[in-house]
């Protein structure tokens, strides 16, 4: 299994650290780093990981089908 290396950088302009921090948080959210950190807090057994990934795939598929049904309905 390969590891994905994500480097997130933001520029601090005019000593505005608050704005840079907001930009950093937004980028981390978009990259999925918060979710990954939450997942890595505890060890997840391979069987649990497979079950979670299968459930996520089912949720994604159902959401896609709902969107298609809405689109076709209108």
PDB file of N, CA and C in Angstrom:
ATOM      1  N   UNK A   1       0.840  -1.175   0.000  1.00  0.00           N
ATOM      2  CA  UNK A   1       0.000   0.000   0.000  1.00  0.00           C
ATOM      3  C   UNK A   1       0.885   1.238   0.000  1.00  0.00           C
ATOM      4  N   UNK A   2       0.546   2.208  -0.796  1.00  0.00           N
ATOM      5  CA  UNK A   2       1.368   3.404  -0.893  1.00  0.00           C
ATOM      6  C   UNK A   2       0.825   4.501   0.023  1.00  0.00           C
ATOM      7  N   UNK A   3       1.705   5.366   0.420  1.00  0.00           N
ATOM      8  CA  UNK A   3       1.304   6.494   1.267  1.00  0.00           C
ATOM      9  C   UNK A   3       1.249   7.742   0.412  1.00  0.00           C
ATOM     10  N   UNK A   4       0.199   8.486   0.596  1.00  0.00           N
ATOM     11  CA  UNK A   4       0.017   9.717  -0.156  1.00  0.00           C
ATOM     12  C   UNK A   4       0.618  10.852   0.666  1.00  0.00           C
ATOM     13  N   UNK A   5       1.547  11.584   0.080  1.00  0.00           N
ATOM     14  CA  UNK A   5       2.159  12.708   0.761  1.00  0.00           C
ATOM     15  C   UNK A   5       1.473  13.980   0.298  1.00  0.00           C
ATOM     16  N   UNK A   6       0.930  14.682   1.254  1.00  0.00           N
ATOM     17  CA  UNK A   6       0.227  15.914   0.944  1.00  0.00           C
ATOM     18  C   UNK A   6       0.936  17.053   1.652  1.00  0.00           C
ATOM     19  N   UNK A   7       1.370  18.021   0.897  1.00  0.00           N
ATOM     20  CA  UNK A   7       2.001  19.199   1.472  1.00  0.00           C
ATOM     21  C   UNK A   7       1.046  20.363   1.273  1.00  0.00           C
ATOM     22  N   UNK A   8       0.638  20.951   2.376  1.00  0.00           N
ATOM     23  CA  UNK A   8      -0.297  22.070   2.321  1.00  0.00           C
ATOM     24  C   UNK A   8       0.452  23.311   2.760  1.00  0.00           C
ATOM     25  N   UNK A   9       0.473  24.315   1.909  1.00  0.00           N
ATOM     26  CA  UNK A   9       1.162  25.564   2.215  1.00  0.00           C
ATOM     27  C   UNK A   9       0.207  26.729   2.043  1.00  0.00           C
ATOM     28  N   UNK A  10       0.390  27.726   2.863  1.00  0.00           N
ATOM     29  CA  UNK A  10      -0.341  28.984   2.697  1.00  0.00           C
ATOM     30  C   UNK A  10       0.640  30.127   2.912  1.00  0.00           C
ATOM     31  N   UNK A  11       0.387  31.212   2.257  1.00  0.00           N
ATOM     32  CA  UNK A  11       1.214  32.407   2.382  1.00  0.00           C
ATOM     33  C   UNK A  11       0.600  33.336   3.421  1.00  0.00           C
ATOM     34  N   UNK A  12       1.431  33.891   4.303  1.00  0.00           N
ATOM     35  CA  UNK A  12       0.971  34.898   5.258  1.00  0.00           C
ATOM     36  C   UNK A  12       1.259  36.248   4.626  1.00  0.00           C
ATOM     37  N   UNK A  13       0.190  36.960   4.335  1.00  0.00           N
ATOM     38  CA  UNK A  13       0.332  38.269   3.684  1.00  0.00           C
ATOM     39  C   UNK A  13       0.033  39.376   4.688  1.00  0.00           C
ATOM     40  N   UNK A  14       0.841  40.393   4.687  1.00  0.00           N
ATOM     41  CA  UNK A  14       0.651  41.578   5.539  1.00  0.00           C
ATOM     42  C   UNK A  14       0.519  41.199   7.016  1.00  0.00           C
ATOM     43  N   UNK A  15       1.272  40.207   7.454  1.00  0.00           N
ATOM     44  CA  UNK A  15       1.237  39.727   8.844  1.00  0.00           C
ATOM     45  C   UNK A  15      -0.171  39.355   9.305  1.00  0.00           C
ATOM     46  N   UNK A  16      -1.032  38.942   8.383  1.00  0.00           N
ATOM     47  CA  UNK A  16      -2.396  38.560   8.718  1.00  0.00           C
ATOM     48  C   UNK A  16      -2.436  37.044   8.929  1.00  0.00           C
ATOM     49  N   UNK A  17      -2.121  36.638  10.150  1.00  0.00           N
ATOM     50  CA  UNK A  17      -2.033  35.221  10.472  1.00  0.00           C
ATOM     51  C   UNK A  17      -3.430  34.593  10.519  1.00  0.00           C
ATOM     52  N   UNK A  18      -4.423  35.348  10.977  1.00  0.00           N
ATOM     53  CA  UNK A  18      -5.783  34.801  11.055  1.00  0.00           C
ATOM     54  C   UNK A  18      -6.298  34.386   9.688  1.00  0.00           C
ATOM     55  N   UNK A  19      -6.052  35.218   8.698  1.00  0.00           N
ATOM     56  CA  UNK A  19      -6.499  34.905   7.340  1.00  0.00           C
ATOM     57  C   UNK A  19      -5.756  33.678   6.810  1.00  0.00           C
ATOM     58  N   UNK A  20      -4.454  33.600   7.092  1.00  0.00           N
ATOM     59  CA  UNK A  20      -3.668  32.447   6.640  1.00  0.00           C
ATOM     60  C   UNK A  20      -4.138  31.173   7.334  1.00  0.00           C
ATOM     61  N   UNK A  21      -4.488  31.273   8.601  1.00  0.00           N
ATOM     62  CA  UNK A  21      -4.973  30.108   9.332  1.00  0.00           C
ATOM     63  C   UNK A  21      -6.298  29.617   8.763  1.00  0.00           C
ATOM     64  N   UNK A  22      -7.190  30.531   8.428  1.00  0.00           N
ATOM     65  CA  UNK A  22      -8.467  30.142   7.802  1.00  0.00           C
ATOM     66  C   UNK A  22      -8.220  29.442   6.473  1.00  0.00           C
ATOM     67  N   UNK A  23      -7.283  29.977   5.683  1.00  0.00           N
ATOM     68  CA  UNK A  23      -6.966  29.359   4.391  1.00  0.00           C
ATOM     69  C   UNK A  23      -6.379  27.967   4.589  1.00  0.00           C
ATOM     70  N   UNK A  24      -5.520  27.821   5.608  1.00  0.00           N
ATOM     71  CA  UNK A  24      -4.915  26.519   5.896  1.00  0.00           C
ATOM     72  C   UNK A  24      -5.978  25.501   6.284  1.00  0.00           C
ATOM     73  N   UNK A  25      -6.894  25.892   7.161  1.00  0.00           N
ATOM     74  CA  UNK A  25      -7.958  24.984   7.584  1.00  0.00           C
ATOM     75  C   UNK A  25      -8.820  24.564   6.399  1.00  0.00           C
ATOM     76  N   UNK A  26      -9.123  25.505   5.518  1.00  0.00           N
ATOM     77  CA  UNK A  26      -9.946  25.196   4.348  1.00  0.00           C
ATOM     78  C   UNK A  26      -9.228  24.204   3.434  1.00  0.00           C
ATOM     79  N   UNK A  27      -7.926  24.407   3.225  1.00  0.00           N
ATOM     80  CA  UNK A  27      -7.163  23.492   2.374  1.00  0.00           C
ATOM     81  C   UNK A  27      -7.072  22.101   2.990  1.00  0.00           C
ATOM     82  N   UNK A  28      -6.863  22.059   4.313  1.00  0.00           N
ATOM     83  CA  UNK A  28      -6.784  20.760   4.991  1.00  0.00           C
ATOM     84  C   UNK A  28      -8.114  20.028   4.902  1.00  0.00           C
ATOM     85  N   UNK A  29      -9.209  20.749   5.026  1.00  0.00           N
ATOM     86  CA  UNK A  29     -10.539  20.149   4.908  1.00  0.00           C
ATOM     87  C   UNK A  29     -10.727  19.570   3.512  1.00  0.00           C
ATOM     88  N   UNK A  30     -10.339  20.352   2.500  1.00  0.00           N
ATOM     89  CA  UNK A  30     -10.504  19.925   1.115  1.00  0.00           C
ATOM     90  C   UNK A  30      -9.660  18.692   0.799  1.00  0.00           C
ATOM     91  N   UNK A  31      -8.461  18.612   1.372  1.00  0.00           N
ATOM     92  CA  UNK A  31      -7.569  17.474   1.127  1.00  0.00           C
ATOM     93  C   UNK A  31      -7.980  16.239   1.921  1.00  0.00           C
ATOM     94  N   UNK A  32      -8.871  16.392   2.888  1.00  0.00           N
ATOM     95  CA  UNK A  32      -9.314  15.259   3.682  1.00  0.00           C
ATOM     96  C   UNK A  32      -8.368  14.915   4.817  1.00  0.00           C
ATOM     97  N   UNK A  33      -7.530  15.864   5.227  1.00  0.00           N
ATOM     98  CA  UNK A  33      -6.563  15.583   6.281  1.00  0.00           C
ATOM     99  C   UNK A  33      -7.222  15.447   7.647  1.00  0.00           C
ATOM    100  N   UNK A  34      -8.261  16.225   7.916  1.00  0.00           N
ATOM    101  CA  UNK A  34      -8.945  16.114   9.202  1.00  0.00           C
ATOM    102  C   UNK A  34      -9.545  14.720   9.346  1.00  0.00           C
ATOM    103  N   UNK A  35     -10.153  14.243   8.307  1.00  0.00           N
ATOM    104  CA  UNK A  35     -10.767  12.910   8.341  1.00  0.00           C
ATOM    105  C   UNK A  35      -9.706  11.839   8.548  1.00  0.00           C
ATOM    106  N   UNK A  36      -8.592  11.984   7.848  1.00  0.00           N
ATOM    107  CA  UNK A  36      -7.518  11.005   7.973  1.00  0.00           C
ATOM    108  C   UNK A  36      -6.923  11.014   9.380  1.00  0.00           C
ATOM    109  N   UNK A  37      -6.745  12.194   9.958  1.00  0.00           N
ATOM    110  CA  UNK A  37      -6.209  12.267  11.325  1.00  0.00           C
ATOM    111  C   UNK A  37      -7.166  11.591  12.305  1.00  0.00           C
ATOM    112  N   UNK A  38      -8.456  11.814  12.117  1.00  0.00           N
ATOM    113  CA  UNK A  38      -9.445  11.193  12.996  1.00  0.00           C
ATOM    114  C   UNK A  38      -9.394   9.668  12.857  1.00  0.00           C
ATOM    115  N   UNK A  39      -9.217   9.178  11.634  1.00  0.00           N
ATOM    116  CA  UNK A  39      -9.172   7.736  11.403  1.00  0.00           C
ATOM    117  C   UNK A  39      -7.913   7.116  12.020  1.00  0.00           C
ATOM    118  N   UNK A  40      -6.827   7.845  12.061  1.00  0.00           N
ATOM    119  CA  UNK A  40      -5.557   7.297  12.548  1.00  0.00           C
ATOM    120  C   UNK A  40      -5.394   7.390  14.056  1.00  0.00           C
ATOM    121  N   UNK A  41      -6.358   7.968  14.756  1.00  0.00           N
ATOM    122  CA  UNK A  41      -6.245   8.058  16.212  1.00  0.00           C
ATOM    123  C   UNK A  41      -6.212   6.681  16.849  1.00  0.00           C
ATOM    124  N   UNK A  42      -6.958   5.744  16.279  1.00  0.00           N
ATOM    125  CA  UNK A  42      -7.021   4.391  16.816  1.00  0.00           C
ATOM    126  C   UNK A  42      -6.771   3.406  15.684  1.00  0.00           C
ATOM    127  N   UNK A  43      -6.208   2.258  16.057  1.00  0.00           N
ATOM    128  CA  UNK A  43      -5.968   1.209  15.064  1.00  0.00           C
ATOM    129  C   UNK A  43      -7.302   0.652  14.587  1.00  0.00           C
ATOM    130  N   UNK A  44      -7.376   0.437  13.298  1.00  0.00           N
ATOM    131  CA  UNK A  44      -8.584  -0.138  12.706  1.00  0.00           C
ATOM    132  C   UNK A  44      -8.223  -1.495  12.115  1.00  0.00           C
ATOM    133  N   UNK A  45      -8.885  -2.529  12.592  1.00  0.00           N
ATOM    134  CA  UNK A  45      -8.614  -3.863  12.084  1.00  0.00           C
ATOM    135  C   UNK A  45      -8.960  -3.927  10.599  1.00  0.00           C
ATOM    136  N   UNK A  46      -8.250  -4.761   9.833  1.00  0.00           N
ATOM    137  CA  UNK A  46      -8.536  -4.869   8.401  1.00  0.00           C
ATOM    138  C   UNK A  46      -9.994  -5.230   8.111  1.00  0.00           C
ATOM    139  N   UNK A  47     -10.587  -6.096   8.928  1.00  0.00           N
ATOM    140  CA  UNK A  47     -11.987  -6.463   8.691  1.00  0.00           C
ATOM    141  C   UNK A  47     -12.903  -5.259   8.928  1.00  0.00           C
ATOM    142  N   UNK A  48     -12.579  -4.441   9.944  1.00  0.00           N
ATOM    143  CA  UNK A  48     -13.376  -3.236  10.200  1.00  0.00           C
ATOM    144  C   UNK A  48     -13.217  -2.241   9.066  1.00  0.00           C
ATOM    145  N   UNK A  49     -11.987  -2.146   8.544  1.00  0.00           N
ATOM    146  CA  UNK A  49     -11.732  -1.226   7.443  1.00  0.00           C
ATOM    147  C   UNK A  49     -12.528  -1.622   6.200  1.00  0.00           C
ATOM    148  N   UNK A  50     -12.534  -2.918   5.890  1.00  0.00           N
ATOM    149  CA  UNK A  50     -13.300  -3.391   4.735  1.00  0.00           C
ATOM    150  C   UNK A  50     -14.786  -3.110   4.915  1.00  0.00           C
ATOM    151  N   UNK A  51     -15.294  -3.360   6.111  1.00  0.00           N
ATOM    152  CA  UNK A  51     -16.722  -3.119   6.374  1.00  0.00           C
ATOM    153  C   UNK A  51     -17.041  -1.634   6.235  1.00  0.00           C
ATOM    154  N   UNK A  52     -16.173  -0.769   6.761  1.00  0.00           N
ATOM    155  CA  UNK A  52     -16.394   0.677   6.676  1.00  0.00           C
ATOM    156  C   UNK A  52     -16.361   1.146   5.216  1.00  0.00           C
ATOM    157  N   UNK A  53     -15.364   0.665   4.471  1.00  0.00           N
ATOM    158  CA  UNK A  53     -15.249   1.078   3.072  1.00  0.00           C
ATOM    159  C   UNK A  53     -16.439   0.587   2.257  1.00  0.00           C
ATOM    160  N   UNK A  54     -16.916  -0.617   2.545  1.00  0.00           N
ATOM    161  CA  UNK A  54     -18.083  -1.142   1.833  1.00  0.00           C
ATOM    162  C   UNK A  54     -19.317  -0.304   2.142  1.00  0.00           C
ATOM    163  N   UNK A  55     -19.490   0.051   3.421  1.00  0.00           N
ATOM    164  CA  UNK A  55     -20.627   0.886   3.814  1.00  0.00           C
ATOM    165  C   UNK A  55     -20.544   2.264   3.161  1.00  0.00           C
ATOM    166  N   UNK A  56     -19.328   2.834   3.091  1.00  0.00           N
ATOM    167  CA  UNK A  56     -19.152   4.132   2.431  1.00  0.00           C
ATOM    168  C   UNK A  56     -19.503   4.043   0.947  1.00  0.00           C
ATOM    169  N   UNK A  57     -19.089   2.954   0.311  1.00  0.00           N
ATOM    170  CA  UNK A  57     -19.389   2.775  -1.113  1.00  0.00           C
ATOM    171  C   UNK A  57     -20.893   2.664  -1.335  1.00  0.00           C
ATOM    172  N   UNK A  58     -21.574   1.952  -0.445  1.00  0.00           N
ATOM    173  CA  UNK A  58     -23.027   1.812  -0.562  1.00  0.00           C
ATOM    174  C   UNK A  58     -23.696   3.176  -0.406  1.00  0.00           C
ATOM    175  N   UNK A  59     -23.226   3.970   0.593  1.00  0.00           N
ATOM    176  CA  UNK A  59     -23.794   5.308   0.790  1.00  0.00           C
ATOM    177  C   UNK A  59     -23.587   6.185  -0.436  1.00  0.00           C
ATOM    178  N   UNK A  60     -22.366   6.136  -1.004  1.00  0.00           N
ATOM    179  CA  UNK A  60     -22.089   6.941  -2.209  1.00  0.00           C
ATOM    180  C   UNK A  60     -22.999   6.528  -3.357  1.00  0.00           C
ATOM    181  N   UNK A  61     -23.174   5.213  -3.536  1.00  0.00           N
ATOM    182  CA  UNK A  61     -24.005   4.710  -4.622  1.00  0.00           C
ATOM    183  C   UNK A  61     -25.453   5.142  -4.442  1.00  0.00           C
ATOM    184  N   UNK A  62     -25.970   5.016  -3.217  1.00  0.00           N
ATOM    185  CA  UNK A  62     -27.358   5.423  -2.959  1.00  0.00           C
ATOM    186  C   UNK A  62     -27.554   6.913  -3.175  1.00  0.00           C
ATOM    187  N   UNK A  63     -26.570   7.700  -2.781  1.00  0.00           N
ATOM    188  CA  UNK A  63     -26.654   9.148  -2.986  1.00  0.00           C
ATOM    189  C   UNK A  63     -26.678   9.459  -4.486  1.00  0.00           C
ATOM    190  N   UNK A  64     -25.835   8.770  -5.258  1.00  0.00           N
ATOM    191  CA  UNK A  64     -25.810   8.957  -6.701  1.00  0.00           C
ATOM    192  C   UNK A  64     -27.155   8.593  -7.324  1.00  0.00           C
ATOM    193  N   UNK A  65     -27.733   7.482  -6.881  1.00  0.00           N
ATOM    194  CA  UNK A  65     -29.030   7.050  -7.406  1.00  0.00           C
ATOM    195  C   UNK A  65     -30.130   8.063  -7.053  1.00  0.00           C
ATOM    196  N   UNK A  66     -30.077   8.619  -5.821  1.00  0.00           N
ATOM    197  CA  UNK A  66     -31.055   9.649  -5.450  1.00  0.00           C
ATOM    198  C   UNK A  66     -30.930  10.868  -6.345  1.00  0.00           C
ATOM    199  N   UNK A  67     -29.686  11.300  -6.602  1.00  0.00           N
ATOM    200  CA  UNK A  67     -29.497  12.461  -7.453  1.00  0.00           C
ATOM    201  C   UNK A  67     -29.980  12.195  -8.874  1.00  0.00           C
ATOM    202  N   UNK A  68     -29.701  10.994  -9.396  1.00  0.00           N
ATOM    203  CA  UNK A  68     -30.165  10.651 -10.732  1.00  0.00           C
ATOM    204  C   UNK A  68     -31.684  10.614 -10.785  1.00  0.00           C
ATOM    205  N   UNK A  69     -32.313  10.070  -9.742  1.00  0.00           N
ATOM    206  CA  UNK A  69     -33.776   9.994  -9.694  1.00  0.00           C
ATOM    207  C   UNK A  69     -34.377  11.402  -9.648  1.00  0.00           C
ATOM    208  N   UNK A  70     -33.751  12.294  -8.882  1.00  0.00           N
ATOM    209  CA  UNK A  70     -34.234  13.687  -8.829  1.00  0.00           C
ATOM    210  C   UNK A  70     -34.113  14.346 -10.195  1.00  0.00           C
ATOM    211  N   UNK A  71     -32.985  14.125 -10.850  1.00  0.00           N
ATOM    212  CA  UNK A  71     -32.741  14.742 -12.152  1.00  0.00           C
ATOM    213  C   UNK A  71     -33.747  14.224 -13.184  1.00  0.00           C
ATOM    214  N   UNK A  72     -34.014  12.918 -13.176  1.00  0.00           N
ATOM    215  CA  UNK A  72     -34.923  12.322 -14.134  1.00  0.00           C
ATOM    216  C   UNK A  72     -36.377  12.674 -13.834  1.00  0.00           C
ATOM    217  N   UNK A  73     -36.672  12.927 -12.562  1.00  0.00           N
ATOM    218  CA  UNK A  73     -38.031  13.244 -12.133  1.00  0.00           C
ATOM    219  C   UNK A  73     -38.477  14.615 -12.653  1.00  0.00           C
ATOM    220  N   UNK A  74     -37.572  15.553 -12.666  1.00  0.00           N
ATOM    221  CA  UNK A  74     -37.921  16.938 -13.048  1.00  0.00           C
ATOM    222  C   UNK A  74     -38.104  17.104 -14.506  1.00  0.00           C
TER     223      UNK A  74
END
